[in-house]
């Protein structure tokens, strides 16, 4: 009945020089001009609703959430930003690609 998500967590160490690196999964955010973001139109697993999914963002969770918040506000819709993906509700792919290009990101349209 253990929690498998904390399997690699250190509970106690006898090493006097030990420091727990809590941000080991966190990456530095690449400059927008160095990123190629894939913009997908997703129709599956959403209860019949359409969503735009932006993938391949390289950076911190805070930067991902800030970009997601900016896109949601500009499109006037809801969505989420987690696990390296930004999900924007509705068929707003062209607008999302335009907004990302204005911010300096390279974009690639994926899917039909």
Protein backbone atom coordinates (compact mmCIF):
# COMPACT_ATOMS: atom_id res chain seq x y z
CA UNK A 1 0.00 0.00 0.00
CA UNK A 2 2.99 2.32 -0.45
CA UNK A 3 2.97 5.46 -2.49
CA UNK A 4 4.98 4.68 -5.62
CA UNK A 5 5.38 8.32 -6.64
CA UNK A 6 7.74 8.91 -3.69
CA UNK A 7 9.81 5.79 -4.36
CA UNK A 8 13.06 7.73 -4.95
CA UNK A 9 12.57 10.20 -2.12
CA UNK A 10 15.34 10.32 0.49
CA UNK A 11 13.99 10.02 4.02
CA UNK A 12 17.27 10.09 5.94
CA UNK A 13 20.96 10.33 5.04
CA UNK A 14 24.08 9.93 7.18
CA UNK A 15 26.16 11.83 4.61
CA UNK A 16 27.09 15.21 6.16
CA UNK A 17 27.44 16.78 2.67
CA UNK A 18 24.06 15.55 1.43
CA UNK A 19 21.73 18.08 -0.13
CA UNK A 20 18.43 17.05 -1.63
CA UNK A 21 18.13 18.47 -5.14
CA UNK A 22 14.39 19.06 -5.35
CA UNK A 23 14.59 20.72 -8.78
CA UNK A 24 16.43 17.91 -10.55
CA UNK A 25 13.63 17.48 -13.12
CA UNK A 26 13.36 21.23 -13.71
CA UNK A 27 14.99 22.44 -16.92
CA UNK A 28 16.14 25.91 -17.79
CA UNK A 29 13.79 27.61 -20.19
CA UNK A 30 15.19 27.88 -23.69
CA UNK A 31 14.83 31.14 -25.56
CA UNK A 32 11.67 31.25 -27.70
CA UNK A 33 13.73 31.39 -30.90
CA UNK A 34 15.43 28.10 -29.95
CA UNK A 35 12.17 26.19 -29.45
CA UNK A 36 10.03 24.40 -32.02
CA UNK A 37 6.56 23.94 -30.59
CA UNK A 38 4.17 21.43 -32.14
CA UNK A 39 0.56 22.62 -32.32
CA UNK A 40 -1.90 19.70 -32.44
CA UNK A 41 -5.67 19.66 -32.86
CA UNK A 42 -6.98 16.99 -30.49
CA UNK A 43 -10.48 15.54 -30.88
CA UNK A 44 -10.05 12.34 -28.85
CA UNK A 45 -10.58 11.67 -25.15
CA UNK A 46 -12.24 15.04 -24.57
CA UNK A 47 -15.90 14.10 -24.42
CA UNK A 48 -16.54 15.15 -28.02
CA UNK A 49 -14.93 18.55 -27.56
CA UNK A 50 -11.99 19.89 -29.58
CA UNK A 51 -8.80 21.21 -27.99
CA UNK A 52 -5.49 22.61 -29.20
CA UNK A 53 -2.44 20.95 -27.61
CA UNK A 54 0.96 22.68 -27.70
CA UNK A 55 3.81 20.19 -27.17
CA UNK A 56 7.63 20.21 -26.90
CA UNK A 57 7.98 23.23 -24.61
CA UNK A 58 11.39 23.13 -22.92
CA UNK A 59 11.51 25.04 -19.67
CA UNK A 60 10.35 25.45 -16.12
CA UNK A 61 6.81 24.69 -15.00
CA UNK A 62 6.33 28.35 -14.07
CA UNK A 63 7.27 29.52 -17.57
CA UNK A 64 4.97 26.88 -19.09
CA UNK A 65 2.08 28.05 -16.91
CA UNK A 66 2.78 31.71 -17.77
CA UNK A 67 2.75 30.96 -21.49
CA UNK A 68 -0.44 28.90 -21.10
CA UNK A 69 -2.10 31.69 -19.14
CA UNK A 70 -1.16 34.21 -21.82
CA UNK A 71 -2.53 32.00 -24.62
CA UNK A 72 -5.78 31.30 -22.75
CA UNK A 73 -6.33 35.00 -22.06
CA UNK A 74 -5.59 36.01 -25.65
CA UNK A 75 -7.95 33.37 -27.04
CA UNK A 76 -10.61 34.04 -24.42
CA UNK A 77 -10.98 30.36 -23.54
CA UNK A 78 -10.05 27.93 -20.78
CA UNK A 79 -7.36 25.31 -20.71
CA UNK A 80 -4.44 24.00 -18.69
CA UNK A 81 -0.67 23.83 -18.69
CA UNK A 82 1.03 20.79 -17.17
CA UNK A 83 3.53 18.04 -17.92
CA UNK A 84 5.16 20.02 -20.75
CA UNK A 85 1.90 20.58 -22.63
CA UNK A 86 -0.48 23.49 -22.96
CA UNK A 87 -4.11 22.62 -23.68
CA UNK A 88 -6.38 25.33 -25.09
CA UNK A 89 -10.10 24.60 -25.33
CA UNK A 90 -11.74 24.91 -28.73
CA UNK A 91 -10.51 25.03 -32.32
CA UNK A 92 -8.13 27.99 -31.91
CA UNK A 93 -5.08 26.47 -33.61
CA UNK A 94 -4.50 29.30 -36.10
CA UNK A 95 -4.76 31.96 -33.39
CA UNK A 96 -2.46 29.99 -31.04
CA UNK A 97 0.14 29.62 -33.80
CA UNK A 98 -0.06 33.33 -34.57
CA UNK A 99 0.34 34.28 -30.89
CA UNK A 100 3.30 31.94 -30.43
CA UNK A 101 4.97 33.36 -33.55
CA UNK A 102 4.54 36.91 -32.19
CA UNK A 103 6.26 35.79 -28.98
CA UNK A 104 9.20 34.51 -31.04
CA UNK A 105 8.50 30.76 -30.96
CA UNK A 106 8.85 28.57 -34.03
CA UNK A 107 5.70 26.55 -34.57
CA UNK A 108 4.83 23.43 -36.52
CA UNK A 109 1.27 22.44 -37.40
CA UNK A 110 0.74 18.75 -36.69
CA UNK A 111 -2.29 16.78 -37.84
CA UNK A 112 -5.20 17.77 -40.04
